[in-house]
Amino acid sequence: MIDAQRRRQAEQVVERFQWIGAGVVVVTPLP
């Protein structure tokens, strides 16, 4: 149960940062 709870919390962190990363790259495209 604890592992499933931690996984859900960690996946929420990943989802938040994946779209943050997308926004940063869109604003400052890489060569």
PDB file of all heavy atoms in Angstrom:
ATOM      1  N   MET A   1       0.831  -1.211   0.000  1.00  0.00           N
ATOM      2  CA  MET A   1       0.000   0.000   0.000  1.00  0.00           C
ATOM      3  C   MET A   1       0.861   1.253   0.000  1.00  0.00           C
ATOM      4  O   MET A   1       0.568   2.220  -0.719  1.00  0.00           O
ATOM      5  CB  MET A   1      -0.924  -0.007   1.226  1.00  0.00           C
ATOM      6  CG  MET A   1      -2.085  -0.964   1.136  1.00  0.00           C
ATOM      7  SD  MET A   1      -3.226  -0.752   2.515  1.00  0.00           S
ATOM      8  CE  MET A   1      -4.478  -1.972   2.095  1.00  0.00           C
ATOM      9  N   ILE A   2       1.897   1.235   0.820  1.00  0.00           N
ATOM     10  CA  ILE A   2       2.788   2.398   0.876  1.00  0.00           C
ATOM     11  C   ILE A   2       3.492   2.586  -0.460  1.00  0.00           C
ATOM     12  O   ILE A   2       3.647   3.719  -0.940  1.00  0.00           O
ATOM     13  CB  ILE A   2       3.804   2.232   2.026  1.00  0.00           C
ATOM     14  CG1 ILE A   2       3.093   2.296   3.376  1.00  0.00           C
ATOM     15  CG2 ILE A   2       4.884   3.311   1.958  1.00  0.00           C
ATOM     16  CD1 ILE A   2       3.981   1.979   4.554  1.00  0.00           C
ATOM     17  N   ASP A   3       3.917   1.478  -1.070  1.00  0.00           N
ATOM     18  CA  ASP A   3       4.595   1.569  -2.359  1.00  0.00           C
ATOM     19  C   ASP A   3       3.666   2.143  -3.421  1.00  0.00           C
ATOM     20  O   ASP A   3       4.070   2.997  -4.219  1.00  0.00           O
ATOM     21  CB  ASP A   3       5.087   0.181  -2.783  1.00  0.00           C
ATOM     22  CG  ASP A   3       5.840   0.208  -4.097  1.00  0.00           C
ATOM     23  OD1 ASP A   3       6.857   0.919  -4.189  1.00  0.00           O
ATOM     24  OD2 ASP A   3       5.408  -0.470  -5.054  1.00  0.00           O
ATOM     25  N   ALA A   4       2.405   1.676  -3.438  1.00  0.00           N
ATOM     26  CA  ALA A   4       1.435   2.203  -4.409  1.00  0.00           C
ATOM     27  C   ALA A   4       1.168   3.688  -4.153  1.00  0.00           C
ATOM     28  O   ALA A   4       1.049   4.489  -5.101  1.00  0.00           O
ATOM     29  CB  ALA A   4       0.133   1.409  -4.324  1.00  0.00           C
ATOM     30  N   GLN A   5       1.078   4.074  -2.897  1.00  0.00           N
ATOM     31  CA  GLN A   5       0.856   5.473  -2.546  1.00  0.00           C
ATOM     32  C   GLN A   5       2.034   6.332  -2.989  1.00  0.00           C
ATOM     33  O   GLN A   5       1.848   7.415  -3.591  1.00  0.00           O
ATOM     34  CB  GLN A   5       0.666   5.568  -1.036  1.00  0.00           C
ATOM     35  CG  GLN A   5       0.570   6.971  -0.471  1.00  0.00           C
ATOM     36  CD  GLN A   5       0.418   6.939   1.041  1.00  0.00           C
ATOM     37  OE1 GLN A   5      -0.596   6.481   1.572  1.00  0.00           O
ATOM     38  NE2 GLN A   5       1.432   7.419   1.758  1.00  0.00           N
ATOM     39  N   ARG A   6       3.246   5.873  -2.728  1.00  0.00           N
ATOM     40  CA  ARG A   6       4.432   6.625  -3.137  1.00  0.00           C
ATOM     41  C   ARG A   6       4.519   6.723  -4.662  1.00  0.00           C
ATOM     42  O   ARG A   6       4.898   7.765  -5.205  1.00  0.00           O
ATOM     43  CB  ARG A   6       5.685   5.944  -2.591  1.00  0.00           C
ATOM     44  CG  ARG A   6       5.891   6.133  -1.093  1.00  0.00           C
ATOM     45  CD  ARG A   6       7.037   5.291  -0.587  1.00  0.00           C
ATOM     46  NE  ARG A   6       7.421   5.618   0.783  1.00  0.00           N
ATOM     47  CZ  ARG A   6       8.320   4.949   1.489  1.00  0.00           C
ATOM     48  NH1 ARG A   6       8.941   3.905   0.947  1.00  0.00           N
ATOM     49  NH2 ARG A   6       8.608   5.320   2.715  1.00  0.00           N
ATOM     50  N   ARG A   7       4.173   5.610  -5.327  1.00  0.00           N
ATOM     51  CA  ARG A   7       4.233   5.634  -6.792  1.00  0.00           C
ATOM     52  C   ARG A   7       3.276   6.684  -7.359  1.00  0.00           C
ATOM     53  O   ARG A   7       3.625   7.431  -8.279  1.00  0.00           O
ATOM     54  CB  ARG A   7       3.897   4.250  -7.352  1.00  0.00           C
ATOM     55  CG  ARG A   7       3.984   4.172  -8.881  1.00  0.00           C
ATOM     56  CD  ARG A   7       3.576   2.804  -9.363  1.00  0.00           C
ATOM     57  NE  ARG A   7       4.597   1.836  -9.092  1.00  0.00           N
ATOM     58  CZ  ARG A   7       5.636   1.594  -9.880  1.00  0.00           C
ATOM     59  NH1 ARG A   7       5.809   2.318 -10.989  1.00  0.00           N
ATOM     60  NH2 ARG A   7       6.509   0.679  -9.590  1.00  0.00           N
ATOM     61  N   ARG A   8       2.054   6.741  -6.802  1.00  0.00           N
ATOM     62  CA  ARG A   8       1.092   7.746  -7.285  1.00  0.00           C
ATOM     63  C   ARG A   8       1.624   9.159  -7.071  1.00  0.00           C
ATOM     64  O   ARG A   8       1.520  10.020  -7.960  1.00  0.00           O
ATOM     65  CB  ARG A   8      -0.250   7.573  -6.567  1.00  0.00           C
ATOM     66  CG  ARG A   8      -1.030   6.352  -6.989  1.00  0.00           C
ATOM     67  CD  ARG A   8      -2.459   6.405  -6.461  1.00  0.00           C
ATOM     68  NE  ARG A   8      -2.504   6.436  -5.006  1.00  0.00           N
ATOM     69  CZ  ARG A   8      -2.559   5.354  -4.232  1.00  0.00           C
ATOM     70  NH1 ARG A   8      -2.557   4.148  -4.785  1.00  0.00           N
ATOM     71  NH2 ARG A   8      -2.627   5.464  -2.921  1.00  0.00           N
ATOM     72  N   GLN A   9       2.199   9.391  -5.890  1.00  0.00           N
ATOM     73  CA  GLN A   9       2.740  10.725  -5.598  1.00  0.00           C
ATOM     74  C   GLN A   9       3.913  11.048  -6.530  1.00  0.00           C
ATOM     75  O   GLN A   9       4.013  12.179  -7.029  1.00  0.00           O
ATOM     76  CB  GLN A   9       3.190  10.781  -4.142  1.00  0.00           C
ATOM     77  CG  GLN A   9       2.058  10.694  -3.135  1.00  0.00           C
ATOM     78  CD  GLN A   9       2.562  10.575  -1.711  1.00  0.00           C
ATOM     79  OE1 GLN A   9       3.711  10.218  -1.461  1.00  0.00           O
ATOM     80  NE2 GLN A   9       1.703  10.874  -0.739  1.00  0.00           N
ATOM     81  N   ALA A  10       4.786  10.068  -6.755  1.00  0.00           N
ATOM     82  CA  ALA A  10       5.945  10.296  -7.622  1.00  0.00           C
ATOM     83  C   ALA A  10       5.513  10.534  -9.059  1.00  0.00           C
ATOM     84  O   ALA A  10       6.092  11.385  -9.766  1.00  0.00           O
ATOM     85  CB  ALA A  10       6.901   9.103  -7.548  1.00  0.00           C
ATOM     86  N   GLU A  11       4.505   9.812  -9.524  1.00  0.00           N
ATOM     87  CA  GLU A  11       4.018   9.999 -10.892  1.00  0.00           C
ATOM     88  C   GLU A  11       3.400  11.382 -11.072  1.00  0.00           C
ATOM     89  O   GLU A  11       3.492  11.971 -12.160  1.00  0.00           O
ATOM     90  CB  GLU A  11       3.015   8.901 -11.243  1.00  0.00           C
ATOM     91  CG  GLU A  11       3.680   7.539 -11.471  1.00  0.00           C
ATOM     92  CD  GLU A  11       2.693   6.424 -11.715  1.00  0.00           C
ATOM     93  OE1 GLU A  11       1.478   6.654 -11.477  1.00  0.00           O
ATOM     94  OE2 GLU A  11       3.108   5.324 -12.136  1.00  0.00           O
ATOM     95  N   GLN A  12       2.776  11.893 -10.030  1.00  0.00           N
ATOM     96  CA  GLN A  12       2.254  13.261 -10.103  1.00  0.00           C
ATOM     97  C   GLN A  12       3.390  14.269 -10.244  1.00  0.00           C
ATOM     98  O   GLN A  12       3.276  15.256 -10.993  1.00  0.00           O
ATOM     99  CB  GLN A  12       1.423  13.563  -8.854  1.00  0.00           C
ATOM    100  CG  GLN A  12       0.111  12.791  -8.775  1.00  0.00           C
ATOM    101  CD  GLN A  12      -0.606  12.980  -7.451  1.00  0.00           C
ATOM    102  OE1 GLN A  12      -0.103  13.661  -6.558  1.00  0.00           O
ATOM    103  NE2 GLN A  12      -1.776  12.379  -7.312  1.00  0.00           N
ATOM    104  N   VAL A  13       4.503  14.015  -9.534  1.00  0.00           N
ATOM    105  CA  VAL A  13       5.678  14.884  -9.658  1.00  0.00           C
ATOM    106  C   VAL A  13       6.223  14.826 -11.077  1.00  0.00           C
ATOM    107  O   VAL A  13       6.556  15.858 -11.693  1.00  0.00           O
ATOM    108  CB  VAL A  13       6.767  14.470  -8.639  1.00  0.00           C
ATOM    109  CG1 VAL A  13       8.071  15.217  -8.919  1.00  0.00           C
ATOM    110  CG2 VAL A  13       6.294  14.740  -7.226  1.00  0.00           C
ATOM    111  N   VAL A  14       6.329  13.623 -11.628  1.00  0.00           N
ATOM    112  CA  VAL A  14       6.851  13.445 -12.995  1.00  0.00           C
ATOM    113  C   VAL A  14       5.968  14.173 -13.992  1.00  0.00           C
ATOM    114  O   VAL A  14       6.463  14.882 -14.886  1.00  0.00           O
ATOM    115  CB  VAL A  14       6.942  11.943 -13.336  1.00  0.00           C
ATOM    116  CG1 VAL A  14       7.290  11.754 -14.814  1.00  0.00           C
ATOM    117  CG2 VAL A  14       7.980  11.258 -12.458  1.00  0.00           C
ATOM    118  N   GLU A  15       4.656  14.017 -13.847  1.00  0.00           N
ATOM    119  CA  GLU A  15       3.739  14.671 -14.783  1.00  0.00           C
ATOM    120  C   GLU A  15       3.878  16.190 -14.709  1.00  0.00           C
ATOM    121  O   GLU A  15       3.868  16.887 -15.732  1.00  0.00           O
ATOM    122  CB  GLU A  15       2.302  14.252 -14.491  1.00  0.00           C
ATOM    123  CG  GLU A  15       1.300  14.839 -15.488  1.00  0.00           C
ATOM    124  CD  GLU A  15      -0.102  14.317 -15.276  1.00  0.00           C
ATOM    125  OE1 GLU A  15      -0.330  13.605 -14.278  1.00  0.00           O
ATOM    126  OE2 GLU A  15      -0.980  14.644 -16.098  1.00  0.00           O
ATOM    127  N   ARG A  16       4.013  16.703 -13.514  1.00  0.00           N
ATOM    128  CA  ARG A  16       4.163  18.160 -13.373  1.00  0.00           C
ATOM    129  C   ARG A  16       5.431  18.659 -14.050  1.00  0.00           C
ATOM    130  O   ARG A  16       5.406  19.646 -14.803  1.00  0.00           O
ATOM    131  CB  ARG A  16       4.168  18.520 -11.875  1.00  0.00           C
ATOM    132  CG  ARG A  16       4.436  19.982 -11.562  1.00  0.00           C
ATOM    133  CD  ARG A  16       3.955  20.315 -10.165  1.00  0.00           C
ATOM    134  NE  ARG A  16       4.519  19.437  -9.153  1.00  0.00           N
ATOM    135  CZ  ARG A  16       5.681  19.656  -8.529  1.00  0.00           C
ATOM    136  NH1 ARG A  16       6.392  20.738  -8.820  1.00  0.00           N
ATOM    137  NH2 ARG A  16       6.123  18.810  -7.621  1.00  0.00           N
ATOM    138  N   PHE A  17       6.555  17.957 -13.818  1.00  0.00           N
ATOM    139  CA  PHE A  17       7.829  18.406 -14.379  1.00  0.00           C
ATOM    140  C   PHE A  17       7.944  18.139 -15.883  1.00  0.00           C
ATOM    141  O   PHE A  17       8.676  18.848 -16.573  1.00  0.00           O
ATOM    142  CB  PHE A  17       8.998  17.763 -13.625  1.00  0.00           C
ATOM    143  CG  PHE A  17       9.371  18.481 -12.365  1.00  0.00           C
ATOM    144  CD1 PHE A  17       8.878  18.066 -11.137  1.00  0.00           C
ATOM    145  CD2 PHE A  17      10.189  19.595 -12.409  1.00  0.00           C
ATOM    146  CE1 PHE A  17       9.208  18.737  -9.979  1.00  0.00           C
ATOM    147  CE2 PHE A  17      10.531  20.280 -11.246  1.00  0.00           C
ATOM    148  CZ  PHE A  17      10.030  19.852 -10.019  1.00  0.00           C
ATOM    149  N   GLN A  18       7.228  17.122 -16.393  1.00  0.00           N
ATOM    150  CA  GLN A  18       7.349  16.869 -17.826  1.00  0.00           C
ATOM    151  C   GLN A  18       6.742  18.012 -18.644  1.00  0.00           C
ATOM    152  O   GLN A  18       7.277  18.403 -19.691  1.00  0.00           O
ATOM    153  CB  GLN A  18       6.710  15.523 -18.199  1.00  0.00           C
ATOM    154  CG  GLN A  18       5.205  15.476 -18.155  1.00  0.00           C
ATOM    155  CD  GLN A  18       4.671  14.055 -18.342  1.00  0.00           C
ATOM    156  OE1 GLN A  18       5.382  13.084 -18.123  1.00  0.00           O
ATOM    157  NE2 GLN A  18       3.405  13.938 -18.740  1.00  0.00           N
ATOM    158  N   TRP A  19       5.630  18.598 -18.127  1.00  0.00           N
ATOM    159  CA  TRP A  19       5.037  19.706 -18.879  1.00  0.00           C
ATOM    160  C   TRP A  19       5.767  21.017 -18.600  1.00  0.00           C
ATOM    161  O   TRP A  19       5.789  21.914 -19.447  1.00  0.00           O
ATOM    162  CB  TRP A  19       3.554  19.821 -18.542  1.00  0.00           C
ATOM    163  CG  TRP A  19       2.795  18.568 -18.884  1.00  0.00           C
ATOM    164  CD1 TRP A  19       2.055  17.796 -18.049  1.00  0.00           C
ATOM    165  CD2 TRP A  19       2.734  17.935 -20.169  1.00  0.00           C
ATOM    166  NE1 TRP A  19       1.549  16.720 -18.711  1.00  0.00           N
ATOM    167  CE2 TRP A  19       1.945  16.781 -20.022  1.00  0.00           C
ATOM    168  CE3 TRP A  19       3.282  18.228 -21.419  1.00  0.00           C
ATOM    169  CZ2 TRP A  19       1.677  15.918 -21.071  1.00  0.00           C
ATOM    170  CZ3 TRP A  19       3.018  17.369 -22.485  1.00  0.00           C
ATOM    171  CH2 TRP A  19       2.228  16.228 -22.304  1.00  0.00           C
ATOM    172  N   ILE A  20       6.392  21.113 -17.419  1.00  0.00           N
ATOM    173  CA  ILE A  20       7.259  22.274 -17.163  1.00  0.00           C
ATOM    174  C   ILE A  20       8.431  22.257 -18.141  1.00  0.00           C
ATOM    175  O   ILE A  20       8.785  23.278 -18.752  1.00  0.00           O
ATOM    176  CB  ILE A  20       7.772  22.264 -15.707  1.00  0.00           C
ATOM    177  CG1 ILE A  20       6.629  22.561 -14.740  1.00  0.00           C
ATOM    178  CG2 ILE A  20       8.897  23.282 -15.524  1.00  0.00           C
ATOM    179  CD1 ILE A  20       7.024  22.444 -13.273  1.00  0.00           C
ATOM    180  N   GLY A  21       9.053  21.072 -18.305  1.00  0.00           N
ATOM    181  CA  GLY A  21      10.172  20.945 -19.250  1.00  0.00           C
ATOM    182  C   GLY A  21       9.763  21.261 -20.663  1.00  0.00           C
ATOM    183  O   GLY A  21      10.515  21.904 -21.418  1.00  0.00           O
ATOM    184  N   ALA A  22       8.539  20.814 -21.051  1.00  0.00           N
ATOM    185  CA  ALA A  22       8.054  21.102 -22.400  1.00  0.00           C
ATOM    186  C   ALA A  22       7.915  22.601 -22.612  1.00  0.00           C
ATOM    187  O   ALA A  22       8.313  23.139 -23.653  1.00  0.00           O
ATOM    188  CB  ALA A  22       6.710  20.407 -22.624  1.00  0.00           C
ATOM    189  N   GLY A  23       7.364  23.302 -21.606  1.00  0.00           N
ATOM    190  CA  GLY A  23       7.192  24.747 -21.737  1.00  0.00           C
ATOM    191  C   GLY A  23       8.511  25.479 -21.856  1.00  0.00           C
ATOM    192  O   GLY A  23       8.649  26.424 -22.661  1.00  0.00           O
ATOM    193  N   VAL A  24       9.523  25.030 -21.073  1.00  0.00           N
ATOM    194  CA  VAL A  24      10.833  25.680 -21.131  1.00  0.00           C
ATOM    195  C   VAL A  24      11.461  25.523 -22.511  1.00  0.00           C
ATOM    196  O   VAL A  24      12.015  26.481 -23.084  1.00  0.00           O
ATOM    197  CB  VAL A  24      11.759  25.093 -20.044  1.00  0.00           C
ATOM    198  CG1 VAL A  24      13.192  25.600 -20.231  1.00  0.00           C
ATOM    199  CG2 VAL A  24      11.245  25.462 -18.650  1.00  0.00           C
ATOM    200  N   VAL A  25      11.394  24.318 -23.078  1.00  0.00           N
ATOM    201  CA  VAL A  25      12.015  24.063 -24.385  1.00  0.00           C
ATOM    202  C   VAL A  25      11.275  24.813 -25.485  1.00  0.00           C
ATOM    203  O   VAL A  25      11.892  25.317 -26.445  1.00  0.00           O
ATOM    204  CB  VAL A  25      12.051  22.552 -24.670  1.00  0.00           C
ATOM    205  CG1 VAL A  25      12.499  22.284 -26.103  1.00  0.00           C
ATOM    206  CG2 VAL A  25      12.982  21.852 -23.689  1.00  0.00           C
ATOM    207  N   VAL A  26       9.946  24.912 -25.383  1.00  0.00           N
ATOM    208  CA  VAL A  26       9.184  25.643 -26.402  1.00  0.00           C
ATOM    209  C   VAL A  26       9.585  27.117 -26.395  1.00  0.00           C
ATOM    210  O   VAL A  26       9.735  27.750 -27.450  1.00  0.00           O
ATOM    211  CB  VAL A  26       7.671  25.480 -26.149  1.00  0.00           C
ATOM    212  CG1 VAL A  26       6.877  26.497 -26.970  1.00  0.00           C
ATOM    213  CG2 VAL A  26       7.240  24.071 -26.506  1.00  0.00           C
ATOM    214  N   VAL A  27       9.771  27.673 -25.229  1.00  0.00           N
ATOM    215  CA  VAL A  27      10.136  29.087 -25.121  1.00  0.00           C
ATOM    216  C   VAL A  27      11.557  29.327 -25.599  1.00  0.00           C
ATOM    217  O   VAL A  27      11.845  30.340 -26.255  1.00  0.00           O
ATOM    218  CB  VAL A  27       9.967  29.559 -23.662  1.00  0.00           C
ATOM    219  CG1 VAL A  27      10.496  30.978 -23.495  1.00  0.00           C
ATOM    220  CG2 VAL A  27       8.501  29.501 -23.255  1.00  0.00           C
ATOM    221  N   THR A  28      12.464  28.386 -25.271  1.00  0.00           N
ATOM    222  CA  THR A  28      13.869  28.535 -25.666  1.00  0.00           C
ATOM    223  C   THR A  28      14.286  27.306 -26.464  1.00  0.00           C
ATOM    224  O   THR A  28      14.902  26.369 -25.917  1.00  0.00           O
ATOM    225  CB  THR A  28      14.763  28.671 -24.429  1.00  0.00           C
ATOM    226  OG1 THR A  28      14.557  27.540 -23.569  1.00  0.00           O
ATOM    227  CG2 THR A  28      14.451  29.942 -23.673  1.00  0.00           C
ATOM    228  N   PRO A  29      13.924  27.214 -27.755  1.00  0.00           N
ATOM    229  CA  PRO A  29      14.248  26.038 -28.569  1.00  0.00           C
ATOM    230  C   PRO A  29      15.755  25.810 -28.636  1.00  0.00           C
ATOM    231  O   PRO A  29      16.552  26.740 -28.573  1.00  0.00           O
ATOM    232  CB  PRO A  29      13.664  26.388 -29.935  1.00  0.00           C
ATOM    233  CG  PRO A  29      13.514  27.871 -29.935  1.00  0.00           C
ATOM    234  CD  PRO A  29      13.249  28.267 -28.530  1.00  0.00           C
ATOM    235  N   LEU A  30      16.127  24.529 -28.762  1.00  0.00           N
ATOM    236  CA  LEU A  30      17.535  24.134 -28.741  1.00  0.00           C
ATOM    237  C   LEU A  30      18.068  24.001 -30.159  1.00  0.00           C
ATOM    238  O   LEU A  30      17.347  23.600 -31.084  1.00  0.00           O
ATOM    239  CB  LEU A  30      17.687  22.799 -27.999  1.00  0.00           C
ATOM    240  CG  LEU A  30      17.177  22.806 -26.544  1.00  0.00           C
ATOM    241  CD1 LEU A  30      17.153  21.406 -25.997  1.00  0.00           C
ATOM    242  CD2 LEU A  30      18.061  23.702 -25.695  1.00  0.00           C
ATOM    243  N   PRO A  31      19.373  24.284 -30.347  1.00  0.00           N
ATOM    244  CA  PRO A  31      19.963  24.185 -31.684  1.00  0.00           C
ATOM    245  C   PRO A  31      20.143  22.746 -32.149  1.00  0.00           C
ATOM    246  O   PRO A  31      20.247  22.491 -33.342  1.00  0.00           O
ATOM    247  CB  PRO A  31      21.319  24.885 -31.517  1.00  0.00           C
ATOM    248  CG  PRO A  31      21.644  24.740 -30.062  1.00  0.00           C
ATOM    249  CD  PRO A  31      20.333  24.810 -29.353  1.00  0.00           C
TER     250      PRO A  31
END
